[in-house]
Amino acid sequence: MEKVKKLFADYGSIAVGTYLAIFAVVLAGFAVAIASGFHVHSAAGSAGVLGAAWVATKVTQPIRIVATAALTPFVARLWWRFRPRSPR
């Protein structure tokens, strides 16, 4: 957890944006999969497509945190290459 806090302290809004982008892609992916016929055998299965997708997305949270930690430095390098840091 300390590494995640350091990541957000070092990269700030880029880390938050990366996490939210991963969240949105995973949520949309689960929603499309469930809507196209993937069967969910749980209480979330009867909660509707978005409810089931949200529950499935919450289950993947540890994986998304690891993906955020791995991708944020790469995303930051790309961001800073195309939008240089402003002087403070």
PDB file of N, CA and C in Angstrom:
ATOM      1  N   MET A   1       0.825  -1.195   0.000  1.00  0.00           N
ATOM      2  CA  MET A   1       0.000   0.000   0.000  1.00  0.00           C
ATOM      3  C   MET A   1       0.866   1.254   0.000  1.00  0.00           C
ATOM      4  N   GLU A   2       2.029   1.167   0.634  1.00  0.00           N
ATOM      5  CA  GLU A   2       2.941   2.308   0.675  1.00  0.00           C
ATOM      6  C   GLU A   2       3.418   2.682  -0.730  1.00  0.00           C
ATOM      7  N   LYS A   3       3.641   1.667  -1.568  1.00  0.00           N
ATOM      8  CA  LYS A   3       4.089   1.918  -2.937  1.00  0.00           C
ATOM      9  C   LYS A   3       3.012   2.649  -3.736  1.00  0.00           C
ATOM     10  N   VAL A   4       1.766   2.296  -3.501  1.00  0.00           N
ATOM     11  CA  VAL A   4       0.659   2.961  -4.197  1.00  0.00           C
ATOM     12  C   VAL A   4       0.567   4.422  -3.758  1.00  0.00           C
ATOM     13  N   LYS A   5       0.728   4.688  -2.467  1.00  0.00           N
ATOM     14  CA  LYS A   5       0.695   6.069  -1.974  1.00  0.00           C
ATOM     15  C   LYS A   5       1.824   6.889  -2.580  1.00  0.00           C
ATOM     16  N   LYS A   6       3.021   6.293  -2.687  1.00  0.00           N
ATOM     17  CA  LYS A   6       4.156   6.985  -3.293  1.00  0.00           C
ATOM     18  C   LYS A   6       3.894   7.256  -4.772  1.00  0.00           C
ATOM     19  N   LEU A   7       3.283   6.292  -5.449  1.00  0.00           N
ATOM     20  CA  LEU A   7       2.952   6.456  -6.867  1.00  0.00           C
ATOM     21  C   LEU A   7       2.033   7.650  -7.060  1.00  0.00           C
ATOM     22  N   PHE A   8       0.984   7.746  -6.235  1.00  0.00           N
ATOM     23  CA  PHE A   8       0.053   8.862  -6.365  1.00  0.00           C
ATOM     24  C   PHE A   8       0.696  10.181  -5.943  1.00  0.00           C
ATOM     25  N   ALA A   9       1.624  10.143  -4.997  1.00  0.00           N
ATOM     26  CA  ALA A   9       2.328  11.360  -4.596  1.00  0.00           C
ATOM     27  C   ALA A   9       3.275  11.827  -5.696  1.00  0.00           C
ATOM     28  N   ASP A  10       3.959  10.895  -6.361  1.00  0.00           N
ATOM     29  CA  ASP A  10       4.922  11.252  -7.412  1.00  0.00           C
ATOM     30  C   ASP A  10       4.247  11.707  -8.702  1.00  0.00           C
ATOM     31  N   TYR A  11       3.170  11.026  -9.092  1.00  0.00           N
ATOM     32  CA  TYR A  11       2.570  11.279 -10.401  1.00  0.00           C
ATOM     33  C   TYR A  11       1.238  12.022 -10.339  1.00  0.00           C
ATOM     34  N   GLY A  12       0.633  12.113  -9.173  1.00  0.00           N
ATOM     35  CA  GLY A  12      -0.580  12.897  -8.988  1.00  0.00           C
ATOM     36  C   GLY A  12      -1.710  12.555  -9.931  1.00  0.00           C
ATOM     37  N   SER A  13      -2.154  13.547 -10.678  1.00  0.00           N
ATOM     38  CA  SER A  13      -3.325  13.382 -11.534  1.00  0.00           C
ATOM     39  C   SER A  13      -3.097  12.383 -12.664  1.00  0.00           C
ATOM     40  N   ILE A  14      -1.850  12.173 -13.060  1.00  0.00           N
ATOM     41  CA  ILE A  14      -1.582  11.176 -14.102  1.00  0.00           C
ATOM     42  C   ILE A  14      -1.894   9.778 -13.568  1.00  0.00           C
ATOM     43  N   ALA A  15      -1.534   9.504 -12.328  1.00  0.00           N
ATOM     44  CA  ALA A  15      -1.847   8.204 -11.719  1.00  0.00           C
ATOM     45  C   ALA A  15      -3.350   8.033 -11.557  1.00  0.00           C
ATOM     46  N   VAL A  16      -4.034   9.075 -11.126  1.00  0.00           N
ATOM     47  CA  VAL A  16      -5.488   9.004 -10.966  1.00  0.00           C
ATOM     48  C   VAL A  16      -6.146   8.776 -12.325  1.00  0.00           C
ATOM     49  N   GLY A  17      -5.705   9.515 -13.336  1.00  0.00           N
ATOM     50  CA  GLY A  17      -6.258   9.351 -14.680  1.00  0.00           C
ATOM     51  C   GLY A  17      -6.014   7.966 -15.242  1.00  0.00           C
ATOM     52  N   THR A  18      -4.818   7.425 -14.999  1.00  0.00           N
ATOM     53  CA  THR A  18      -4.509   6.074 -15.461  1.00  0.00           C
ATOM     54  C   THR A  18      -5.418   5.062 -14.784  1.00  0.00           C
ATOM     55  N   TYR A  19      -5.595   5.194 -13.469  1.00  0.00           N
ATOM     56  CA  TYR A  19      -6.463   4.275 -12.727  1.00  0.00           C
ATOM     57  C   TYR A  19      -7.904   4.359 -13.244  1.00  0.00           C
ATOM     58  N   LEU A  20      -8.403   5.566 -13.430  1.00  0.00           N
ATOM     59  CA  LEU A  20      -9.782   5.729 -13.892  1.00  0.00           C
ATOM     60  C   LEU A  20      -9.966   5.217 -15.316  1.00  0.00           C
ATOM     61  N   ALA A  21      -8.957   5.388 -16.164  1.00  0.00           N
ATOM     62  CA  ALA A  21      -9.041   4.866 -17.522  1.00  0.00           C
ATOM     63  C   ALA A  21      -9.091   3.336 -17.515  1.00  0.00           C
ATOM     64  N   ILE A  22      -8.250   2.715 -16.699  1.00  0.00           N
ATOM     65  CA  ILE A  22      -8.271   1.256 -16.581  1.00  0.00           C
ATOM     66  C   ILE A  22      -9.620   0.800 -16.032  1.00  0.00           C
ATOM     67  N   PHE A  23     -10.137   1.498 -15.023  1.00  0.00           N
ATOM     68  CA  PHE A  23     -11.442   1.169 -14.444  1.00  0.00           C
ATOM     69  C   PHE A  23     -12.529   1.220 -15.513  1.00  0.00           C
ATOM     70  N   ALA A  24     -12.544   2.287 -16.307  1.00  0.00           N
ATOM     71  CA  ALA A  24     -13.569   2.453 -17.331  1.00  0.00           C
ATOM     72  C   ALA A  24     -13.487   1.364 -18.399  1.00  0.00           C
ATOM     73  N   VAL A  25     -12.273   1.019 -18.805  1.00  0.00           N
ATOM     74  CA  VAL A  25     -12.105  -0.023 -19.828  1.00  0.00           C
ATOM     75  C   VAL A  25     -12.568  -1.375 -19.294  1.00  0.00           C
ATOM     76  N   VAL A  26     -12.210  -1.695 -18.062  1.00  0.00           N
ATOM     77  CA  VAL A  26     -12.617  -2.975 -17.465  1.00  0.00           C
ATOM     78  C   VAL A  26     -14.129  -3.018 -17.286  1.00  0.00           C
ATOM     79  N   LEU A  27     -14.725  -1.944 -16.772  1.00  0.00           N
ATOM     80  CA  LEU A  27     -16.173  -1.889 -16.582  1.00  0.00           C
ATOM     81  C   LEU A  27     -16.904  -2.057 -17.911  1.00  0.00           C
ATOM     82  N   ALA A  28     -16.461  -1.332 -18.925  1.00  0.00           N
ATOM     83  CA  ALA A  28     -17.089  -1.443 -20.246  1.00  0.00           C
ATOM     84  C   ALA A  28     -16.902  -2.845 -20.819  1.00  0.00           C
ATOM     85  N   GLY A  29     -15.725  -3.419 -20.624  1.00  0.00           N
ATOM     86  CA  GLY A  29     -15.479  -4.773 -21.122  1.00  0.00           C
ATOM     87  C   GLY A  29     -16.392  -5.791 -20.476  1.00  0.00           C
ATOM     88  N   PHE A  30     -16.550  -5.712 -19.164  1.00  0.00           N
ATOM     89  CA  PHE A  30     -17.456  -6.624 -18.484  1.00  0.00           C
ATOM     90  C   PHE A  30     -18.905  -6.390 -18.919  1.00  0.00           C
ATOM     91  N   ALA A  31     -19.304  -5.140 -19.076  1.00  0.00           N
ATOM     92  CA  ALA A  31     -20.677  -4.836 -19.490  1.00  0.00           C
ATOM     93  C   ALA A  31     -20.961  -5.416 -20.872  1.00  0.00           C
ATOM     94  N   VAL A  32     -20.025  -5.256 -21.793  1.00  0.00           N
ATOM     95  CA  VAL A  32     -20.203  -5.802 -23.141  1.00  0.00           C
ATOM     96  C   VAL A  32     -20.240  -7.327 -23.094  1.00  0.00           C
ATOM     97  N   ALA A  33     -19.349  -7.933 -22.313  1.00  0.00           N
ATOM     98  CA  ALA A  33     -19.314  -9.393 -22.215  1.00  0.00           C
ATOM     99  C   ALA A  33     -20.617  -9.936 -21.639  1.00  0.00           C
ATOM    100  N   ILE A  34     -21.119  -9.299 -20.591  1.00  0.00           N
ATOM    101  CA  ILE A  34     -22.356  -9.762 -19.963  1.00  0.00           C
ATOM    102  C   ILE A  34     -23.543  -9.537 -20.886  1.00  0.00           C
ATOM    103  N   ALA A  35     -23.580  -8.385 -21.551  1.00  0.00           N
ATOM    104  CA  ALA A  35     -24.688  -8.083 -22.456  1.00  0.00           C
ATOM    105  C   ALA A  35     -24.696  -9.006 -23.672  1.00  0.00           C
ATOM    106  N   SER A  36     -23.520  -9.488 -24.070  1.00  0.00           N
ATOM    107  CA  SER A  36     -23.465 -10.340 -25.253  1.00  0.00           C
ATOM    108  C   SER A  36     -23.645 -11.823 -24.932  1.00  0.00           C
ATOM    109  N   GLY A  37     -23.925 -12.126 -23.666  1.00  0.00           N
ATOM    110  CA  GLY A  37     -24.287 -13.498 -23.370  1.00  0.00           C
ATOM    111  C   GLY A  37     -23.410 -14.232 -22.392  1.00  0.00           C
ATOM    112  N   PHE A  38     -22.374 -13.621 -21.871  1.00  0.00           N
ATOM    113  CA  PHE A  38     -21.556 -14.275 -20.855  1.00  0.00           C
ATOM    114  C   PHE A  38     -22.416 -14.422 -19.605  1.00  0.00           C
ATOM    115  N   HIS A  39     -22.554 -15.642 -19.100  1.00  0.00           N
ATOM    116  CA  HIS A  39     -23.444 -15.896 -17.965  1.00  0.00           C
ATOM    117  C   HIS A  39     -22.719 -15.712 -16.645  1.00  0.00           C
ATOM    118  N   VAL A  40     -23.321 -14.900 -15.781  1.00  0.00           N
ATOM    119  CA  VAL A  40     -22.787 -14.662 -14.447  1.00  0.00           C
ATOM    120  C   VAL A  40     -23.623 -15.474 -13.472  1.00  0.00           C
ATOM    121  N   HIS A  41     -23.000 -16.380 -12.750  1.00  0.00           N
ATOM    122  CA  HIS A  41     -23.729 -17.234 -11.806  1.00  0.00           C
ATOM    123  C   HIS A  41     -23.507 -16.734 -10.389  1.00  0.00           C
ATOM    124  N   SER A  42     -24.210 -15.671 -10.047  1.00  0.00           N
ATOM    125  CA  SER A  42     -24.119 -15.109  -8.697  1.00  0.00           C
ATOM    126  C   SER A  42     -25.298 -14.179  -8.486  1.00  0.00           C
ATOM    127  N   ALA A  43     -25.340 -13.569  -7.337  1.00  0.00           N
ATOM    128  CA  ALA A  43     -26.410 -12.615  -7.064  1.00  0.00           C
ATOM    129  C   ALA A  43     -26.323 -11.425  -8.012  1.00  0.00           C
ATOM    130  N   ALA A  44     -25.115 -11.092  -8.436  1.00  0.00           N
ATOM    131  CA  ALA A  44     -24.943  -9.961  -9.349  1.00  0.00           C
ATOM    132  C   ALA A  44     -25.522 -10.263 -10.720  1.00  0.00           C
ATOM    133  N   GLY A  45     -25.672 -11.527 -11.046  1.00  0.00           N
ATOM    134  CA  GLY A  45     -26.199 -11.908 -12.348  1.00  0.00           C
ATOM    135  C   GLY A  45     -27.613 -11.421 -12.579  1.00  0.00           C
ATOM    136  N   SER A  46     -28.388 -11.253 -11.528  1.00  0.00           N
ATOM    137  CA  SER A  46     -29.758 -10.780 -11.676  1.00  0.00           C
ATOM    138  C   SER A  46     -29.876  -9.274 -11.426  1.00  0.00           C
ATOM    139  N   ALA A  47     -28.804  -8.617 -11.189  1.00  0.00           N
ATOM    140  CA  ALA A  47     -28.831  -7.190 -10.860  1.00  0.00           C
ATOM    141  C   ALA A  47     -28.805  -6.301 -12.089  1.00  0.00           C
ATOM    142  N   GLY A  48     -28.764  -6.852 -13.256  1.00  0.00           N
ATOM    143  CA  GLY A  48     -28.686  -6.069 -14.468  1.00  0.00           C
ATOM    144  C   GLY A  48     -27.262  -6.026 -14.974  1.00  0.00           C
ATOM    145  N   VAL A  49     -27.124  -5.619 -16.201  1.00  0.00           N
ATOM    146  CA  VAL A  49     -25.821  -5.637 -16.856  1.00  0.00           C
ATOM    147  C   VAL A  49     -24.818  -4.744 -16.142  1.00  0.00           C
ATOM    148  N   LEU A  50     -25.176  -3.488 -15.879  1.00  0.00           N
ATOM    149  CA  LEU A  50     -24.218  -2.582 -15.249  1.00  0.00           C
ATOM    150  C   LEU A  50     -23.917  -2.975 -13.807  1.00  0.00           C
ATOM    151  N   GLY A  51     -24.907  -3.464 -13.096  1.00  0.00           N
ATOM    152  CA  GLY A  51     -24.671  -3.922 -11.725  1.00  0.00           C
ATOM    153  C   GLY A  51     -23.726  -5.104 -11.687  1.00  0.00           C
ATOM    154  N   ALA A  52     -23.945  -6.053 -12.567  1.00  0.00           N
ATOM    155  CA  ALA A  52     -23.072  -7.220 -12.629  1.00  0.00           C
ATOM    156  C   ALA A  52     -21.674  -6.829 -13.086  1.00  0.00           C
ATOM    157  N   ALA A  53     -21.592  -5.906 -14.040  1.00  0.00           N
ATOM    158  CA  ALA A  53     -20.285  -5.446 -14.520  1.00  0.00           C
ATOM    159  C   ALA A  53     -19.533  -4.714 -13.412  1.00  0.00           C
ATOM    160  N   TRP A  54     -20.252  -3.918 -12.618  1.00  0.00           N
ATOM    161  CA  TRP A  54     -19.612  -3.198 -11.517  1.00  0.00           C
ATOM    162  C   TRP A  54     -19.060  -4.171 -10.483  1.00  0.00           C
ATOM    163  N   VAL A  55     -19.843  -5.192 -10.127  1.00  0.00           N
ATOM    164  CA  VAL A  55     -19.380  -6.190  -9.160  1.00  0.00           C
ATOM    165  C   VAL A  55     -18.147  -6.916  -9.706  1.00  0.00           C
ATOM    166  N   ALA A  56     -18.191  -7.313 -10.967  1.00  0.00           N
ATOM    167  CA  ALA A  56     -17.041  -7.993 -11.569  1.00  0.00           C
ATOM    168  C   ALA A  56     -15.823  -7.078 -11.603  1.00  0.00           C
ATOM    169  N   THR A  57     -16.037  -5.804 -11.849  1.00  0.00           N
ATOM    170  CA  THR A  57     -14.941  -4.842 -11.871  1.00  0.00           C
ATOM    171  C   THR A  57     -14.342  -4.672 -10.474  1.00  0.00           C
ATOM    172  N   LYS A  58     -15.174  -4.645  -9.451  1.00  0.00           N
ATOM    173  CA  LYS A  58     -14.664  -4.534  -8.073  1.00  0.00           C
ATOM    174  C   LYS A  58     -13.819  -5.745  -7.699  1.00  0.00           C
ATOM    175  N   VAL A  59     -14.176  -6.907  -8.212  1.00  0.00           N
ATOM    176  CA  VAL A  59     -13.402  -8.122  -7.929  1.00  0.00           C
ATOM    177  C   VAL A  59     -11.990  -8.005  -8.509  1.00  0.00           C
ATOM    178  N   THR A  60     -11.863  -7.291  -9.608  1.00  0.00           N
ATOM    179  CA  THR A  60     -10.558  -7.144 -10.260  1.00  0.00           C
ATOM    180  C   THR A  60      -9.749  -5.964  -9.723  1.00  0.00           C
ATOM    181  N   GLN A  61     -10.192  -5.331  -8.656  1.00  0.00           N
ATOM    182  CA  GLN A  61      -9.505  -4.142  -8.144  1.00  0.00           C
ATOM    183  C   GLN A  61      -8.024  -4.365  -7.837  1.00  0.00           C
ATOM    184  N   PRO A  62      -7.624  -5.449  -7.170  1.00  0.00           N
ATOM    185  CA  PRO A  62      -6.186  -5.632  -6.919  1.00  0.00           C
ATOM    186  C   PRO A  62      -5.361  -5.698  -8.214  1.00  0.00           C
ATOM    187  N   ILE A  63      -5.917  -6.328  -9.226  1.00  0.00           N
ATOM    188  CA  ILE A  63      -5.219  -6.420 -10.510  1.00  0.00           C
ATOM    189  C   ILE A  63      -5.123  -5.040 -11.153  1.00  0.00           C
ATOM    190  N   ARG A  64      -6.191  -4.246 -11.041  1.00  0.00           N
ATOM    191  CA  ARG A  64      -6.171  -2.900 -11.611  1.00  0.00           C
ATOM    192  C   ARG A  64      -5.169  -1.997 -10.901  1.00  0.00           C
ATOM    193  N   ILE A  65      -5.008  -2.174  -9.594  1.00  0.00           N
ATOM    194  CA  ILE A  65      -4.027  -1.378  -8.853  1.00  0.00           C
ATOM    195  C   ILE A  65      -2.613  -1.725  -9.308  1.00  0.00           C
ATOM    196  N   VAL A  66      -2.345  -3.000  -9.489  1.00  0.00           N
ATOM    197  CA  VAL A  66      -1.025  -3.424  -9.983  1.00  0.00           C
ATOM    198  C   VAL A  66      -0.799  -2.892 -11.401  1.00  0.00           C
ATOM    199  N   ALA A  67      -1.822  -2.964 -12.250  1.00  0.00           N
ATOM    200  CA  ALA A  67      -1.702  -2.436 -13.613  1.00  0.00           C
ATOM    201  C   ALA A  67      -1.453  -0.925 -13.596  1.00  0.00           C
ATOM    202  N   THR A  68      -2.105  -0.219 -12.696  1.00  0.00           N
ATOM    203  CA  THR A  68      -1.892   1.229 -12.572  1.00  0.00           C
ATOM    204  C   THR A  68      -0.453   1.516 -12.174  1.00  0.00           C
ATOM    205  N   ALA A  69       0.063   0.767 -11.198  1.00  0.00           N
ATOM    206  CA  ALA A  69       1.452   0.967 -10.760  1.00  0.00           C
ATOM    207  C   ALA A  69       2.438   0.681 -11.885  1.00  0.00           C
ATOM    208  N   ALA A  70       2.127  -0.297 -12.711  1.00  0.00           N
ATOM    209  CA  ALA A  70       3.029  -0.647 -13.808  1.00  0.00           C
ATOM    210  C   ALA A  70       2.940   0.337 -14.974  1.00  0.00           C
ATOM    211  N   LEU A  71       1.752   0.827 -15.269  1.00  0.00           N
ATOM    212  CA  LEU A  71       1.557   1.669 -16.452  1.00  0.00           C
ATOM    213  C   LEU A  71       1.759   3.161 -16.218  1.00  0.00           C
ATOM    214  N   THR A  72       1.597   3.639 -15.000  1.00  0.00           N
ATOM    215  CA  THR A  72       1.663   5.079 -14.744  1.00  0.00           C
ATOM    216  C   THR A  72       2.989   5.714 -15.147  1.00  0.00           C
ATOM    217  N   PRO A  73       4.148   5.129 -14.832  1.00  0.00           N
ATOM    218  CA  PRO A  73       5.392   5.771 -15.280  1.00  0.00           C
ATOM    219  C   PRO A  73       5.477   5.885 -16.813  1.00  0.00           C
ATOM    220  N   PHE A  74       5.004   4.874 -17.520  1.00  0.00           N
ATOM    221  CA  PHE A  74       4.998   4.910 -18.988  1.00  0.00           C
ATOM    222  C   PHE A  74       4.053   6.002 -19.492  1.00  0.00           C
ATOM    223  N   VAL A  75       2.858   6.063 -18.933  1.00  0.00           N
ATOM    224  CA  VAL A  75       1.884   7.081 -19.329  1.00  0.00           C
ATOM    225  C   VAL A  75       2.432   8.476 -19.023  1.00  0.00           C
ATOM    226  N   ALA A  76       3.090   8.629 -17.876  1.00  0.00           N
ATOM    227  CA  ALA A  76       3.657   9.926 -17.506  1.00  0.00           C
ATOM    228  C   ALA A  76       4.741  10.358 -18.492  1.00  0.00           C
ATOM    229  N   ARG A  77       5.603   9.417 -18.889  1.00  0.00           N
ATOM    230  CA  ARG A  77       6.638   9.765 -19.880  1.00  0.00           C
ATOM    231  C   ARG A  77       6.004  10.228 -21.190  1.00  0.00           C
ATOM    232  N   LEU A  78       4.962   9.530 -21.644  1.00  0.00           N
ATOM    233  CA  LEU A  78       4.269   9.953 -22.868  1.00  0.00           C
ATOM    234  C   LEU A  78       3.626  11.319 -22.691  1.00  0.00           C
ATOM    235  N   TRP A  79       2.981  11.515 -21.548  1.00  0.00           N
ATOM    236  CA  TRP A  79       2.301  12.785 -21.281  1.00  0.00           C
ATOM    237  C   TRP A  79       3.297  13.936 -21.288  1.00  0.00           C
ATOM    238  N   TRP A  80       4.423  13.752 -20.591  1.00  0.00           N
ATOM    239  CA  TRP A  80       5.419  14.817 -20.497  1.00  0.00           C
ATOM    240  C   TRP A  80       6.140  15.043 -21.820  1.00  0.00           C
ATOM    241  N   ARG A  81       6.197  14.046 -22.665  1.00  0.00           N
ATOM    242  CA  ARG A  81       6.821  14.219 -23.979  1.00  0.00           C
ATOM    243  C   ARG A  81       5.970  15.135 -24.848  1.00  0.00           C
ATOM    244  N   PHE A  82       4.645  14.956 -24.787  1.00  0.00           N
ATOM    245  CA  PHE A  82       3.756  15.742 -25.638  1.00  0.00           C
ATOM    246  C   PHE A  82       3.245  17.016 -24.970  1.00  0.00           C
ATOM    247  N   ARG A  83       3.282  17.052 -23.652  1.00  0.00           N
ATOM    248  CA  ARG A  83       2.889  18.243 -22.889  1.00  0.00           C
ATOM    249  C   ARG A  83       3.934  18.476 -21.825  1.00  0.00           C
ATOM    250  N   PRO A  84       4.962  19.238 -22.134  1.00  0.00           N
ATOM    251  CA  PRO A  84       6.035  19.456 -21.150  1.00  0.00           C
ATOM    252  C   PRO A  84       5.501  20.060 -19.842  1.00  0.00           C
ATOM    253  N   ARG A  85       6.202  19.756 -18.770  1.00  0.00           N
ATOM    254  CA  ARG A  85       5.822  20.285 -17.458  1.00  0.00           C
ATOM    255  C   ARG A  85       5.887  21.796 -17.461  1.00  0.00           C
ATOM    256  N   SER A  86       4.946  22.397 -16.787  1.00  0.00           N
ATOM    257  CA  SER A  86       4.961  23.862 -16.689  1.00  0.00           C
ATOM    258  C   SER A  86       5.886  24.248 -15.521  1.00  0.00           C
ATOM    259  N   PRO A  87       6.596  25.354 -15.649  1.00  0.00           N
ATOM    260  CA  PRO A  87       7.469  25.781 -14.552  1.00  0.00           C
ATOM    261  C   PRO A  87       6.646  26.180 -13.336  1.00  0.00           C
ATOM    262  N   ARG A  88       7.151  25.809 -12.158  1.00  0.00           N
ATOM    263  CA  ARG A  88       6.420  26.118 -10.914  1.00  0.00           C
ATOM    264  C   ARG A  88       7.144  27.144 -10.133  1.00  0.00           C
TER     265      ARG A  88
END
